[in-house]
Amino acid sequence: MSESSTLFGDWAKTMTSLDLTKGTEALMGFMAELPVPGVDMDALVASQRDNLEALNAANQAALQGFQAVGEWQQRFLQETMQELTGALTGLADVTSPQQLVAAETELARKAFEAAVKHMRELTQIIIDANRDATDAIARRIPESLGEIKDVLKVPY
């Protein structure tokens, strides 16, 4: 593995290990101790903890998507270099202008097809990452609103 991919891998591991819930425990403890009439602070704190867990899940999904894009880029670069080497080798065997035009036309066709294929792959990686990240939040929002209504004793 190259030095840049090792550095990227180390950075990605660090980023994916981030847990937003760890840094907020002191704040949650402080909030639980606040005396607010008519508000169940323990329930409010539990609700916010669940919100942070959903946010953490969304961040993890986004970071995994980012890592997948980086891995895809590395694979794309390796494939491109291999194809370029093969193309240059094939052009070295050309002996006539007609063969050169035919070879260049074929290379352009293959390059276009590869570009479309790679754009589709990258698009799908990004779509999947976005879907996973937003699903974690979208599942939590209705639950959170119901919990807030219950905690604040809001009438229907």
Protein backbone atom coordinates (compact mmCIF):
# COMPACT_ATOMS: atom_id res chain seq x y z
CA MET A 1 0.00 0.00 0.00
CA SER A 2 1.32 3.43 -0.88
CA GLU A 3 2.15 6.06 1.71
CA SER A 4 -0.80 8.26 0.69
CA SER A 5 -3.31 5.41 0.99
CA THR A 6 -1.85 4.49 4.40
CA LEU A 7 -2.22 8.09 5.56
CA PHE A 8 -5.76 8.22 4.20
CA GLY A 9 -6.60 4.95 5.92
CA ASP A 10 -5.21 6.19 9.25
CA TRP A 11 -7.14 9.45 8.94
CA ALA A 12 -10.34 7.61 8.01
CA LYS A 13 -9.99 5.31 11.05
CA THR A 14 -9.56 8.31 13.30
CA MET A 15 -12.56 10.08 11.82
CA THR A 16 -14.83 7.02 11.98
CA SER A 17 -13.90 6.45 15.61
CA LEU A 18 -15.30 9.84 16.63
CA ASP A 19 -18.23 9.42 18.99
CA LEU A 20 -20.23 12.55 19.72
CA THR A 21 -21.95 10.98 22.72
CA LYS A 22 -18.72 10.68 24.75
CA GLY A 23 -18.02 14.40 24.91
CA THR A 24 -21.51 15.32 26.06
CA GLU A 25 -21.95 13.20 29.18
CA ALA A 26 -20.95 16.04 31.53
CA LEU A 27 -23.40 18.41 29.85
CA MET A 28 -26.17 15.82 30.06
CA GLY A 29 -25.46 15.30 33.76
CA PHE A 30 -25.64 19.05 34.35
CA MET A 31 -28.94 19.31 32.46
CA ALA A 32 -30.44 16.44 34.44
CA GLU A 33 -29.75 18.31 37.69
CA LEU A 34 -31.47 21.54 36.58
CA PRO A 35 -34.78 22.07 38.38
CA VAL A 36 -37.33 23.08 35.73
CA PRO A 37 -40.95 23.00 36.91
CA GLY A 38 -43.20 20.79 34.78
CA VAL A 39 -40.33 19.23 32.85
CA ASP A 40 -39.06 15.70 33.38
CA MET A 41 -35.37 16.50 32.98
CA ASP A 42 -34.35 12.85 33.09
CA ALA A 43 -36.64 12.13 30.12
CA LEU A 44 -35.38 15.24 28.30
CA VAL A 45 -31.76 14.21 28.83
CA ALA A 46 -32.52 10.68 27.62
CA SER A 47 -34.19 12.13 24.53
CA GLN A 48 -31.18 14.31 23.76
CA ARG A 49 -28.86 11.37 24.28
CA ASP A 50 -30.86 9.43 21.67
CA ASN A 51 -30.61 12.44 19.34
CA LEU A 52 -26.84 12.46 19.72
CA GLU A 53 -26.68 8.75 19.01
CA ALA A 54 -28.68 9.30 15.80
CA LEU A 55 -26.38 12.15 14.83
CA ASN A 56 -23.37 9.95 15.54
CA ALA A 57 -24.84 7.20 13.35
CA ALA A 58 -25.37 9.73 10.54
CA ASN A 59 -21.78 10.95 10.89
CA GLN A 60 -20.48 7.39 10.80
CA ALA A 61 -22.45 6.69 7.61
CA ALA A 62 -21.17 9.90 6.00
CA LEU A 63 -17.58 9.09 6.93
CA GLN A 64 -17.90 5.57 5.60
CA GLY A 65 -19.17 7.07 2.35
CA PHE A 66 -16.20 9.42 2.26
CA GLN A 67 -13.88 6.48 2.82
CA ALA A 68 -15.62 4.53 0.04
CA VAL A 69 -15.09 7.45 -2.35
CA GLY A 70 -11.39 7.54 -1.44
CA GLU A 71 -11.02 3.82 -2.02
CA TRP A 72 -12.87 4.16 -5.34
CA GLN A 73 -10.53 6.98 -6.40
CA GLN A 74 -7.49 4.89 -5.57
CA ARG A 75 -8.84 1.93 -7.56
CA PHE A 76 -9.78 4.26 -10.45
CA LEU A 77 -6.26 5.69 -10.59
CA GLN A 78 -4.69 2.22 -10.64
CA GLU A 79 -7.02 1.07 -13.42
CA THR A 80 -6.36 4.22 -15.43
CA MET A 81 -2.60 3.76 -15.21
CA GLN A 82 -2.89 0.13 -16.33
CA GLU A 83 -5.13 1.09 -19.26
CA LEU A 84 -2.79 3.91 -20.26
CA THR A 85 0.18 1.56 -20.26
CA GLY A 86 -1.72 -0.91 -22.45
CA ALA A 87 -2.85 1.84 -24.81
CA LEU A 88 0.67 3.18 -25.28
CA THR A 89 1.98 -0.31 -25.91
CA GLY A 90 -0.73 -0.87 -28.54
CA LEU A 91 0.05 2.42 -30.29
CA ALA A 92 3.72 1.46 -30.58
CA ASP A 93 2.77 -1.39 -32.92
CA VAL A 94 0.90 0.90 -35.38
CA THR A 95 2.57 1.06 -38.81
CA SER A 96 0.19 3.12 -40.97
CA PRO A 97 -1.86 6.32 -40.59
CA GLN A 98 -5.07 4.32 -41.10
CA GLN A 99 -4.13 1.97 -38.26
CA LEU A 100 -3.28 4.98 -36.09
CA VAL A 101 -6.69 6.58 -36.69
CA ALA A 102 -8.44 3.27 -36.01
CA ALA A 103 -6.43 2.68 -32.82
CA GLU A 104 -7.03 6.23 -31.55
CA THR A 105 -10.75 5.95 -32.32
CA GLU A 106 -10.95 2.69 -30.38
CA LEU A 107 -9.06 4.23 -27.46
CA ALA A 108 -11.46 7.21 -27.42
CA ARG A 109 -14.48 4.85 -27.46
CA LYS A 110 -13.08 2.80 -24.56
CA ALA A 111 -12.20 5.95 -22.62
CA PHE A 112 -15.73 7.32 -23.03
CA GLU A 113 -17.32 4.03 -21.94
CA ALA A 114 -14.99 3.83 -18.93
CA ALA A 115 -15.75 7.43 -17.95
CA VAL A 116 -19.50 6.78 -18.00
CA LYS A 117 -19.06 3.57 -16.01
CA HIS A 118 -16.89 5.32 -13.42
CA MET A 119 -19.29 8.25 -13.09
CA ARG A 120 -22.13 5.81 -12.43
CA GLU A 121 -20.10 3.95 -9.80
CA LEU A 122 -19.12 7.15 -8.01
CA THR A 123 -22.68 8.47 -8.16
CA GLN A 124 -24.00 5.26 -6.59
CA ILE A 125 -21.43 5.40 -3.78
CA ILE A 126 -22.47 8.97 -2.97
CA ILE A 127 -26.20 8.17 -3.19
CA ASP A 128 -25.78 5.22 -0.82
CA ALA A 129 -23.76 7.26 1.68
CA ASN A 130 -26.26 10.12 1.65
CA ARG A 131 -29.19 7.74 2.06
CA ASP A 132 -27.56 5.99 5.02
CA ALA A 133 -26.68 9.27 6.72
CA THR A 134 -30.10 10.84 6.28
CA ASP A 135 -31.97 7.67 7.26
CA ALA A 136 -30.40 7.76 10.73
CA ILE A 137 -31.66 11.30 11.29
CA ALA A 138 -35.01 10.82 9.56
CA ARG A 139 -35.84 7.87 11.82
CA ARG A 140 -35.03 9.89 14.92
CA ILE A 141 -36.90 13.15 14.20
CA PRO A 142 -40.47 11.86 14.67
CA GLU A 143 -39.43 10.02 17.85
CA SER A 144 -37.72 13.13 19.20
CA LEU A 145 -40.72 15.36 18.54
CA GLY A 146 -42.99 12.92 20.36
CA GLU A 147 -40.58 12.76 23.29
CA ILE A 148 -40.37 16.56 23.52
CA LYS A 149 -44.16 16.77 23.54
CA ASP A 150 -44.29 14.21 26.35
CA VAL A 151 -41.49 15.84 28.35
CA LEU A 152 -42.99 19.32 28.13
CA LYS A 153 -46.51 18.00 28.68
CA VAL A 154 -47.73 19.67 25.49
CA PRO A 155 -51.41 18.86 24.86
CA TYR A 156 -52.39 17.35 21.53
